[in-house]
Amino acid sequence: MILGRDVLAQVVSDTRVSLIIGITAALATTLLGTLPGGLAGFVGGWAMAG
């Protein structure tokens, strides 16, 4: 069945793209949250005061 193979290939391809986007977004937000938080904790919390 040609149609079945094409649909499966599309699902696999789209799943891979979605996973790459999701993992990239998760890593970016983790870095953007961890770096300032770690710096604020290391320096003494001046970034949190205010």
N, C-alpha and C. Protein backbone atom coordinates (compact mmCIF):
# COMPACT_ATOMS: atom_id res chain seq x y z
N MET A 1 0.83 -1.18 0.00
CA MET A 1 0.00 0.00 0.00
C MET A 1 0.88 1.24 0.00
N ILE A 2 0.87 1.93 -1.08
CA ILE A 2 1.70 3.12 -1.20
C ILE A 2 1.22 4.21 -0.26
N LEU A 3 -0.10 4.38 -0.14
CA LEU A 3 -0.64 5.42 0.72
C LEU A 3 -0.23 5.21 2.18
N GLY A 4 -0.28 3.98 2.65
CA GLY A 4 0.11 3.67 4.01
C GLY A 4 1.56 4.00 4.29
N ARG A 5 2.42 3.72 3.36
CA ARG A 5 3.83 4.02 3.54
C ARG A 5 4.08 5.52 3.56
N ASP A 6 3.41 6.24 2.71
CA ASP A 6 3.60 7.69 2.66
C ASP A 6 3.11 8.34 3.96
N VAL A 7 1.99 7.88 4.47
CA VAL A 7 1.47 8.44 5.71
C VAL A 7 2.41 8.13 6.86
N LEU A 8 2.91 6.93 6.96
CA LEU A 8 3.85 6.56 8.01
C LEU A 8 5.13 7.37 7.93
N ALA A 9 5.64 7.54 6.72
CA ALA A 9 6.86 8.33 6.55
C ALA A 9 6.63 9.78 6.98
N GLN A 10 5.47 10.32 6.67
CA GLN A 10 5.15 11.69 7.07
C GLN A 10 5.03 11.80 8.59
N VAL A 11 4.41 10.83 9.23
CA VAL A 11 4.27 10.84 10.68
C VAL A 11 5.64 10.77 11.35
N VAL A 12 6.51 9.89 10.88
CA VAL A 12 7.85 9.76 11.45
C VAL A 12 8.64 11.04 11.26
N SER A 13 8.56 11.63 10.09
CA SER A 13 9.28 12.86 9.80
C SER A 13 8.77 14.01 10.67
N ASP A 14 7.46 14.15 10.78
CA ASP A 14 6.89 15.23 11.59
C ASP A 14 7.18 15.04 13.07
N THR A 15 7.20 13.80 13.52
CA THR A 15 7.51 13.52 14.92
C THR A 15 8.94 13.94 15.23
N ARG A 16 9.84 13.66 14.32
CA ARG A 16 11.24 14.03 14.53
C ARG A 16 11.40 15.54 14.61
N VAL A 17 10.74 16.25 13.71
CA VAL A 17 10.81 17.72 13.72
C VAL A 17 10.23 18.28 15.02
N SER A 18 9.09 17.74 15.45
CA SER A 18 8.45 18.22 16.68
C SER A 18 9.34 17.96 17.89
N LEU A 19 9.97 16.81 17.94
CA LEU A 19 10.86 16.50 19.06
C LEU A 19 12.07 17.42 19.09
N ILE A 20 12.63 17.72 17.94
CA ILE A 20 13.78 18.62 17.88
C ILE A 20 13.39 20.01 18.37
N ILE A 21 12.24 20.50 17.94
CA ILE A 21 11.77 21.81 18.37
C ILE A 21 11.50 21.82 19.87
N GLY A 22 10.84 20.79 20.37
CA GLY A 22 10.52 20.72 21.79
C GLY A 22 11.74 20.62 22.67
N ILE A 23 12.68 19.79 22.30
CA ILE A 23 13.90 19.64 23.10
C ILE A 23 14.73 20.92 23.06
N THR A 24 14.79 21.56 21.91
CA THR A 24 15.53 22.82 21.81
C THR A 24 14.90 23.89 22.68
N ALA A 25 13.58 23.98 22.68
CA ALA A 25 12.89 24.96 23.52
C ALA A 25 13.11 24.67 24.99
N ALA A 26 13.06 23.41 25.38
CA ALA A 26 13.27 23.05 26.78
C ALA A 26 14.69 23.38 27.23
N LEU A 27 15.67 23.09 26.39
CA LEU A 27 17.06 23.40 26.75
C LEU A 27 17.29 24.90 26.83
N ALA A 28 16.70 25.65 25.92
CA ALA A 28 16.88 27.11 25.91
C ALA A 28 16.28 27.73 27.17
N THR A 29 15.07 27.30 27.53
CA THR A 29 14.45 27.87 28.73
C THR A 29 15.17 27.44 29.99
N THR A 30 15.71 26.24 30.00
CA THR A 30 16.49 25.79 31.16
C THR A 30 17.73 26.65 31.32
N LEU A 31 18.43 26.90 30.24
CA LEU A 31 19.63 27.73 30.31
C LEU A 31 19.28 29.17 30.70
N LEU A 32 18.21 29.71 30.12
CA LEU A 32 17.83 31.09 30.41
C LEU A 32 17.36 31.26 31.85
N GLY A 33 16.89 30.20 32.48
CA GLY A 33 16.47 30.29 33.87
C GLY A 33 17.57 29.94 34.85
N THR A 34 18.41 29.00 34.48
CA THR A 34 19.45 28.52 35.38
C THR A 34 20.62 29.51 35.49
N LEU A 35 21.02 30.08 34.39
CA LEU A 35 22.18 30.97 34.43
C LEU A 35 21.93 32.21 35.29
N PRO A 36 20.85 32.96 35.12
CA PRO A 36 20.64 34.11 36.01
C PRO A 36 20.38 33.69 37.46
N GLY A 37 19.70 32.59 37.66
CA GLY A 37 19.44 32.12 39.03
C GLY A 37 20.71 31.71 39.72
N GLY A 38 21.57 31.00 39.03
CA GLY A 38 22.85 30.60 39.60
C GLY A 38 23.74 31.79 39.87
N LEU A 39 23.74 32.74 38.96
CA LEU A 39 24.53 33.95 39.17
C LEU A 39 24.02 34.75 40.36
N ALA A 40 22.70 34.88 40.48
CA ALA A 40 22.12 35.61 41.60
C ALA A 40 22.44 34.91 42.92
N GLY A 41 22.40 33.61 42.95
CA GLY A 41 22.73 32.88 44.17
C GLY A 41 24.20 32.99 44.52
N PHE A 42 25.04 32.98 43.50
CA PHE A 42 26.48 33.06 43.73
C PHE A 42 26.90 34.44 44.21
N VAL A 43 26.33 35.48 43.62
CA VAL A 43 26.71 36.85 43.94
C VAL A 43 26.13 37.28 45.28
N GLY A 44 25.03 36.69 45.66
CA GLY A 44 24.46 37.03 46.95
C GLY A 44 23.03 37.50 46.89
N GLY A 45 22.41 37.33 45.74
CA GLY A 45 21.01 37.65 45.63
C GLY A 45 20.70 39.07 45.24
N TRP A 46 21.67 39.85 44.76
CA TRP A 46 21.39 41.24 44.39
C TRP A 46 20.37 41.34 43.26
N ALA A 47 20.33 40.33 42.41
CA ALA A 47 19.38 40.37 41.29
C ALA A 47 17.95 40.16 41.77
N MET A 48 17.78 39.48 42.91
CA MET A 48 16.44 39.20 43.43
C MET A 48 15.95 40.34 44.32
N ALA A 49 16.85 41.16 44.85
CA ALA A 49 16.43 42.25 45.73
C ALA A 49 15.85 43.37 44.88
N GLY A 50 14.79 43.95 45.35
CA GLY A 50 14.27 45.07 44.59
C GLY A 50 12.84 45.09 44.65
